[in-house]
Amino acid sequence: MSDVKAAITAVGGYVPDYVLTNKILESMIETNDDWITSRTGIKERRILKLPHQGSSFLGIKACEDLFSKATTRPEEVDLVIFATATPDMQIASSAAFLATEIGAVNAFSFDLQSACSGFLYGMSVASSYIESKKYKHILLVGADKMSSIIDYTDRSTSIIFGDGGGAVLFSANEEGLGVQDEILRTDGAGRQFLKIDAGGSLLPASEDTVKNKQHFVFQDGKTVFKFAVSKMADVSEEIMFKNNLTVKDVDWLVPHQANKRIIDAIYKRMDIDSQKVLMNIQRYGNTTSATLPLLLSDYEKQLKKGDNIIFTAFGGGFSWGSIYLKWAYNS
C-alpha cells in the first residue's frame, strides 16, 4: 500500500474592493501613517462594505477563484472546512451555507474556530482525513470579516485588522508531496490577553455589554507580541529539527500576518533569508483565518513542485503551531 499524503492542488483568494489606508485612519483616530507603519508594517487593509454580507461571502468568492483554476469540481469535494473567528451567525453553520452556495453538494461541512490559528489547525484536520484514506478531496477555507468586531475608535486594534478570504484544495497524493509533519500547541492561560468579552455563554449580549463595547476585540499587544514571537519561532525551529531540515532546505516560510515586527523577529531568529518569507501584511493587515491562504494565493506563481514550506501561526487561546509541507505543483 502506498503512503497517501494530503497535497495542496489549488488555491484561491479574495479581498474586498474598499481600501482602508493609513491616511483614512488618520481622519478617524489619533494616529498617523509613520506611527502605524513603524509599529505594524501595515499600509492598508481591505474592508467588506457590502450590506448583509458576512465572512461566508469572502469565503465563497475565494472558492470561486480557486475553482476557476482547479481541475477538481465542487461536486467532487468530500468535505468543506471553514476556519473563521467571525461566522455569519450563531448556531447556523457558515460552512454548510458556503458549501451549498459553491455547489459542493456531496460534501459534509463544519466550522473550525481557533482565531488566527484556525487555518493552520484546519490543515491538520484535512491532512488527517486524507491520510486515513476516508476522503480524497477536502476544501479548506479561511475567511474573516474582522471589521465586524473592531472598534474603530480603538487605536490599538483598528489599525491592525482587515477583511479577506482564502481557500485551498487538499487532495490525496502518492508521490510523497503534501503535509509532512505538524506541531500544534495551546495554552489557556492566554485567554485574558486576546478576546471578545461578551456575546458568548459566559457573558451573553445585553444592553450593558453593548454600551461598554464588550463585543469588540481586546488585545494586550505587548503580551501577545512576546508570546507570538517566541512560540512561532520555537515550533518552526522544532519542526525543522524533527525533519532534519536546515535553513538551506527550506524554500519558503509562510507566517501568520499579525505584525511585520513579529514576522521579522521570527525569520531572523530562525536565520532564514528574508527573500524566502512570504509577506502581504502591508496590503491587507491581519485577516485572521485568511492570512495563510491569501499568502499562497498571492505567491502561487512562485511556488514550485517539491518546494519545502514551513507554515506557522499564533492566535487567541493562546493557540499556535507549525506545519511542514512539500508543494505539489507548478502554477
Protein backbone atom coordinates (compact mmCIF):
# COMPACT_ATOMS: atom_id res chain seq x y z
CA MET A 1 0.00 0.00 0.00
CA SER A 2 1.41 3.38 -0.98
CA ASP A 3 1.65 6.13 1.61
CA VAL A 4 -1.05 8.74 0.99
CA LYS A 5 -0.42 12.37 1.89
CA ALA A 6 -2.60 15.48 1.69
CA ALA A 7 -1.30 17.79 -1.03
CA ILE A 8 -2.49 21.26 -1.92
CA THR A 9 -3.65 21.10 -5.54
CA ALA A 10 -5.34 24.51 -5.96
CA VAL A 11 -5.59 27.85 -4.16
CA GLY A 12 -7.84 30.88 -4.33
CA GLY A 13 -8.14 34.25 -2.64
CA TYR A 14 -10.39 37.26 -2.36
CA VAL A 15 -10.22 40.69 -0.72
CA PRO A 16 -12.95 43.37 -0.83
CA ASP A 17 -12.65 46.42 -3.06
CA TYR A 18 -12.68 49.08 -0.35
CA VAL A 19 -9.18 50.05 0.78
CA LEU A 20 -8.82 51.49 4.29
CA THR A 21 -5.50 53.31 4.12
CA ASN A 22 -3.46 54.71 6.97
CA LYS A 23 -4.32 58.16 5.63
CA ILE A 24 -8.03 57.47 6.06
CA LEU A 25 -7.43 56.18 9.59
CA GLU A 26 -5.73 59.48 10.40
CA SER A 27 -9.14 61.14 9.96
CA MET A 28 -10.83 58.60 12.24
CA ILE A 29 -8.48 58.23 15.22
CA GLU A 30 -5.42 59.90 16.68
CA THR A 31 -2.68 58.27 14.62
CA ASN A 32 -0.54 58.76 11.52
CA ASP A 33 1.00 56.74 8.73
CA ASP A 34 4.52 56.76 10.19
CA TRP A 35 3.29 55.56 13.59
CA ILE A 36 1.26 52.70 12.10
CA THR A 37 3.93 51.64 9.60
CA SER A 38 6.77 51.63 12.12
CA ARG A 39 4.80 49.53 14.62
CA THR A 40 2.97 47.11 12.33
CA GLY A 41 4.28 47.36 8.76
CA ILE A 42 0.69 47.86 7.57
CA LYS A 43 -0.10 50.49 4.92
CA GLU A 44 -3.67 49.49 4.08
CA ARG A 45 -6.33 46.89 4.76
CA ARG A 46 -9.47 45.80 2.88
CA ILE A 47 -12.95 46.25 4.36
CA LEU A 48 -16.16 44.50 3.26
CA LYS A 49 -18.65 47.34 2.83
CA LEU A 50 -21.43 45.43 1.02
CA PRO A 51 -24.62 45.29 3.14
CA HIS A 52 -25.89 41.98 4.51
CA GLN A 53 -22.65 40.12 3.67
CA GLY A 54 -20.53 38.25 6.20
CA SER A 55 -17.47 36.03 6.29
CA SER A 56 -19.14 33.39 4.11
CA PHE A 57 -19.26 35.92 1.25
CA LEU A 58 -15.47 36.32 1.47
CA GLY A 59 -15.02 32.55 1.56
CA ILE A 60 -17.37 31.94 -1.35
CA LYS A 61 -15.50 34.45 -3.50
CA ALA A 62 -12.18 32.78 -2.62
CA CYS A 63 -13.64 29.39 -3.59
CA GLU A 64 -14.89 30.77 -6.90
CA ASP A 65 -11.35 31.94 -7.63
CA LEU A 66 -9.97 28.51 -6.69
CA PHE A 67 -12.38 26.50 -8.85
CA SER A 68 -11.75 28.80 -11.82
CA LYS A 69 -8.26 27.24 -11.87
CA ALA A 70 -8.75 23.75 -10.40
CA THR A 71 -9.33 20.54 -12.35
CA THR A 72 -11.40 19.16 -9.46
CA ARG A 73 -15.02 20.34 -9.46
CA PRO A 74 -17.07 21.38 -6.39
CA GLU A 75 -19.29 18.28 -6.59
CA GLU A 76 -16.16 16.10 -6.20
CA VAL A 77 -15.31 17.62 -2.81
CA ASP A 78 -15.91 15.27 0.12
CA LEU A 79 -15.57 17.76 2.98
CA VAL A 80 -15.61 21.54 3.44
CA ILE A 81 -13.87 23.01 6.50
CA PHE A 82 -14.47 26.71 7.15
CA ALA A 83 -11.94 28.28 9.52
CA THR A 84 -13.33 31.57 10.85
CA ALA A 85 -13.44 33.64 14.01
CA THR A 86 -16.36 35.67 12.66
CA PRO A 87 -19.07 33.25 11.48
CA ASP A 88 -22.12 34.75 9.79
CA MET A 89 -24.29 33.93 12.79
CA GLN A 90 -24.56 31.76 15.90
CA ILE A 91 -25.76 28.14 15.62
CA ALA A 92 -26.20 28.00 11.83
CA SER A 93 -23.02 26.62 10.25
CA SER A 94 -21.30 29.05 7.91
CA ALA A 95 -19.52 26.09 6.31
CA ALA A 96 -22.82 24.45 5.37
CA PHE A 97 -24.05 27.63 3.72
CA LEU A 98 -20.78 28.12 1.86
CA ALA A 99 -20.72 24.51 0.62
CA THR A 100 -24.24 24.80 -0.74
CA GLU A 101 -23.54 28.14 -2.42
CA ILE A 102 -20.44 26.88 -4.27
CA GLY A 103 -22.09 23.62 -5.37
CA ALA A 104 -20.22 21.21 -3.10
CA VAL A 105 -23.42 19.18 -2.93
CA ASN A 106 -21.77 15.88 -1.98
CA ALA A 107 -19.67 17.26 0.86
CA PHE A 108 -20.39 17.48 4.55
CA SER A 109 -19.04 20.58 6.25
CA PHE A 110 -18.25 22.23 9.54
CA ASP A 111 -16.82 25.43 11.02
CA LEU A 112 -13.48 25.47 12.84
CA GLN A 113 -12.68 28.29 15.27
CA SER A 114 -9.22 28.87 16.69
CA ALA A 115 -8.75 32.57 15.91
CA CYS A 116 -5.58 33.25 13.90
CA SER A 117 -4.50 29.60 14.18
CA GLY A 118 -7.75 28.35 12.66
CA PHE A 119 -6.49 27.77 9.13
CA LEU A 120 -3.31 26.04 10.36
CA TYR A 121 -5.37 23.71 12.54
CA GLY A 122 -7.68 23.13 9.57
CA MET A 123 -4.67 21.96 7.56
CA SER A 124 -4.04 19.33 10.22
CA VAL A 125 -7.67 18.16 10.16
CA ALA A 126 -7.77 17.98 6.36
CA SER A 127 -4.47 16.11 6.27
CA SER A 128 -5.62 13.56 8.82
CA TYR A 129 -8.85 12.80 6.94
CA ILE A 130 -6.98 12.29 3.66
CA GLU A 131 -4.19 10.21 5.18
CA SER A 132 -6.85 7.93 6.66
CA LYS A 133 -7.95 7.33 3.04
CA LYS A 134 -11.52 8.12 4.03
CA TYR A 135 -11.72 11.13 1.70
CA LYS A 136 -9.87 12.24 -1.45
CA HIS A 137 -10.70 15.94 -1.80
CA ILE A 138 -11.11 18.43 1.05
CA LEU A 139 -11.74 22.14 0.65
CA LEU A 140 -10.27 24.26 3.45
CA VAL A 141 -11.47 27.86 3.60
CA GLY A 142 -10.21 30.64 5.83
CA ALA A 143 -12.19 33.88 5.92
CA ASP A 144 -12.89 36.62 8.41
CA LYS A 145 -14.83 39.87 8.38
CA MET A 146 -12.78 41.38 11.17
CA SER A 147 -14.31 44.82 10.60
CA SER A 148 -17.48 43.45 12.19
CA ILE A 149 -15.78 43.08 15.59
CA ILE A 150 -13.37 46.03 15.57
CA ASP A 151 -13.90 49.27 17.50
CA TYR A 152 -12.74 51.97 15.09
CA THR A 153 -12.16 54.37 17.96
CA ASP A 154 -9.57 51.98 19.44
CA ARG A 155 -6.13 52.75 18.01
CA SER A 156 -4.61 49.51 19.30
CA THR A 157 -6.81 47.22 17.17
CA SER A 158 -8.36 49.30 14.38
CA ILE A 159 -5.01 49.75 12.65
CA ILE A 160 -4.25 46.02 12.58
CA PHE A 161 -7.16 44.05 11.19
CA GLY A 162 -8.74 43.72 7.75
CA ASP A 163 -11.23 41.51 5.90
CA GLY A 164 -10.38 38.76 3.45
CA GLY A 165 -10.82 35.15 2.39
CA GLY A 166 -8.66 32.35 1.08
CA ALA A 167 -9.15 28.71 0.12
CA VAL A 168 -7.03 25.66 -0.64
CA LEU A 169 -7.97 22.27 -2.05
CA PHE A 170 -6.30 19.27 -0.44
CA SER A 171 -6.20 16.06 -2.49
CA ALA A 172 -4.73 12.60 -1.94
CA ASN A 173 -1.16 12.32 -3.20
CA GLU A 174 1.03 9.22 -3.58
CA GLU A 175 4.24 10.98 -4.67
CA GLY A 176 5.23 11.93 -1.14
CA LEU A 177 4.10 15.53 -1.65
CA GLY A 178 1.85 17.45 0.71
CA VAL A 179 1.73 17.69 4.52
CA GLN A 180 4.79 16.01 6.02
CA ASP A 181 4.58 16.86 9.72
CA GLU A 182 2.98 19.15 12.28
CA ILE A 183 3.47 20.57 15.75
CA LEU A 184 0.38 22.18 17.28
CA ARG A 185 0.05 23.74 20.73
CA THR A 186 -2.40 25.60 23.00
CA ASP A 187 -2.22 27.36 26.38
CA GLY A 188 -5.44 28.53 28.04
CA ALA A 189 -3.50 30.95 30.24
CA GLY A 190 -3.55 33.31 27.25
CA ARG A 191 -7.33 33.68 27.27
CA GLN A 192 -7.30 37.04 29.06
CA PHE A 193 -4.88 38.72 26.63
CA LEU A 194 -6.73 38.32 23.31
CA LYS A 195 -10.52 38.03 23.41
CA ILE A 196 -14.02 39.41 23.00
CA ASP A 197 -15.62 39.60 26.44
CA ALA A 198 -19.31 39.44 25.55
CA GLY A 199 -21.59 37.55 23.23
CA GLY A 200 -20.76 34.05 24.38
CA SER A 201 -22.34 31.86 27.07
CA LEU A 202 -20.11 33.34 29.77
CA LEU A 203 -21.39 36.89 29.22
CA PRO A 204 -24.43 36.97 26.89
CA ALA A 205 -25.27 40.11 24.96
CA SER A 206 -27.14 42.77 26.91
CA GLU A 207 -27.74 46.49 26.82
CA ASP A 208 -24.81 46.96 29.18
CA THR A 209 -22.37 44.84 27.13
CA VAL A 210 -23.19 46.88 24.04
CA LYS A 211 -22.81 50.20 25.87
CA ASN A 212 -19.49 49.03 27.34
CA LYS A 213 -18.17 48.00 23.91
CA GLN A 214 -17.59 44.44 25.09
CA HIS A 215 -18.40 42.92 21.70
CA PHE A 216 -15.19 44.23 20.15
CA VAL A 217 -11.75 42.62 20.09
CA PHE A 218 -9.49 43.32 23.06
CA GLN A 219 -5.76 42.71 22.72
CA ASP A 220 -2.91 43.16 25.17
CA GLY A 221 -0.44 44.00 22.42
CA LYS A 222 2.82 43.66 24.34
CA THR A 223 1.96 40.27 25.82
CA VAL A 224 0.65 38.89 22.54
CA PHE A 225 3.72 40.17 20.69
CA LYS A 226 6.11 38.48 23.13
CA PHE A 227 4.28 35.16 23.07
CA ALA A 228 3.79 35.15 19.29
CA VAL A 229 7.47 35.68 18.51
CA SER A 230 8.75 33.05 20.94
CA LYS A 231 6.11 30.40 20.27
CA MET A 232 6.02 30.66 16.46
CA ALA A 233 9.81 30.62 16.23
CA ASP A 234 10.07 27.73 18.72
CA VAL A 235 7.72 25.39 16.83
CA SER A 236 9.15 26.36 13.42
CA GLU A 237 12.67 25.52 14.56
CA GLU A 238 11.41 22.37 16.26
CA ILE A 239 9.68 21.05 13.14
CA MET A 240 12.82 21.73 11.07
CA PHE A 241 14.98 19.85 13.58
CA LYS A 242 12.47 17.00 13.78
CA ASN A 243 12.59 16.58 9.98
CA ASN A 244 16.36 17.14 9.57
CA LEU A 245 15.86 20.40 7.65
CA THR A 246 18.47 23.13 7.54
CA VAL A 247 17.71 26.73 6.61
CA LYS A 248 19.06 25.91 3.14
CA ASP A 249 16.48 23.13 2.79
CA VAL A 250 13.56 25.48 3.49
CA ASP A 251 12.31 27.16 0.33
CA TRP A 252 9.56 29.28 1.90
CA LEU A 253 8.40 30.42 5.33
CA VAL A 254 4.65 31.17 5.41
CA PRO A 255 3.95 33.01 8.68
CA HIS A 256 0.68 34.36 10.02
CA GLN A 257 0.43 38.07 9.15
CA ALA A 258 -0.16 39.66 12.56
CA ASN A 259 2.57 42.28 12.63
CA LYS A 260 5.64 42.83 10.44
CA ARG A 261 7.85 43.19 13.51
CA ILE A 262 6.72 39.73 14.65
CA ILE A 263 7.44 38.25 11.22
CA ASP A 264 10.86 39.94 11.09
CA ALA A 265 11.78 38.68 14.55
CA ILE A 266 10.80 35.11 13.66
CA TYR A 267 12.74 34.73 10.42
CA LYS A 268 15.80 36.48 11.88
CA ARG A 269 15.80 34.17 14.88
CA MET A 270 15.46 31.18 12.52
CA ASP A 271 18.28 32.62 10.36
CA ILE A 272 16.15 32.32 7.23
CA ASP A 273 16.78 34.63 4.26
CA SER A 274 14.15 37.36 4.11
CA GLN A 275 13.65 36.56 0.41
CA LYS A 276 12.14 33.24 1.47
CA VAL A 277 9.48 34.84 3.67
CA LEU A 278 6.01 35.31 2.18
CA MET A 279 4.51 38.63 3.27
CA ASN A 280 1.48 40.73 2.28
CA ILE A 281 0.61 42.34 5.62
CA GLN A 282 1.39 45.77 4.16
CA ARG A 283 -1.62 45.45 1.82
CA TYR A 284 -4.16 43.50 3.88
CA GLY A 285 -3.30 43.82 7.56
CA ASN A 286 -4.22 40.88 9.77
CA THR A 287 -7.09 38.95 8.15
CA THR A 288 -7.01 36.29 10.92
CA SER A 289 -8.04 32.91 9.42
CA ALA A 290 -7.39 34.17 5.88
CA THR A 291 -3.73 35.19 6.20
CA LEU A 292 -2.11 31.85 5.26
CA PRO A 293 -4.28 31.02 2.21
CA LEU A 294 -4.09 34.63 0.98
CA LEU A 295 -0.30 34.35 1.05
CA LEU A 296 -0.47 31.17 -1.03
CA SER A 297 -2.84 32.84 -3.46
CA ASP A 298 -0.63 35.91 -3.85
CA TYR A 299 2.60 33.93 -4.26
CA GLU A 300 1.22 30.87 -6.10
CA LYS A 301 3.21 31.51 -9.29
CA GLN A 302 6.50 31.48 -7.34
CA LEU A 303 5.87 28.12 -5.69
CA LYS A 304 7.42 25.11 -7.40
CA LYS A 305 6.71 21.39 -7.17
CA GLY A 306 8.77 19.86 -4.37
CA ASP A 307 9.37 23.14 -2.51
CA ASN A 308 9.75 22.72 1.24
CA ILE A 309 7.37 25.10 3.02
CA ILE A 310 7.12 25.87 6.73
CA PHE A 311 3.79 27.31 7.90
CA THR A 312 3.43 28.90 11.31
CA ALA A 313 0.65 30.78 13.11
CA PHE A 314 -0.33 32.15 16.50
CA GLY A 315 -3.77 33.10 17.75
CA GLY A 316 -6.13 33.64 20.64
CA GLY A 317 -6.42 30.98 23.27
CA PHE A 318 -3.42 31.04 23.11
CA SER A 319 -3.03 28.70 20.14
CA TRP A 320 -0.06 28.21 17.84
CA GLY A 321 1.80 25.71 15.72
CA SER A 322 3.83 24.86 12.64
CA ILE A 323 3.26 22.58 9.65
CA TYR A 324 5.84 21.29 7.17
CA LEU A 325 4.52 20.76 3.64
CA LYS A 326 6.00 19.85 0.25
CA TRP A 327 4.38 21.82 -2.57
CA ALA A 328 2.69 19.60 -5.17
CA TYR A 329 2.50 21.53 -8.45
CA ASN A 330 3.92 24.20 -10.71
CA SER A 331 1.45 27.00 -11.37
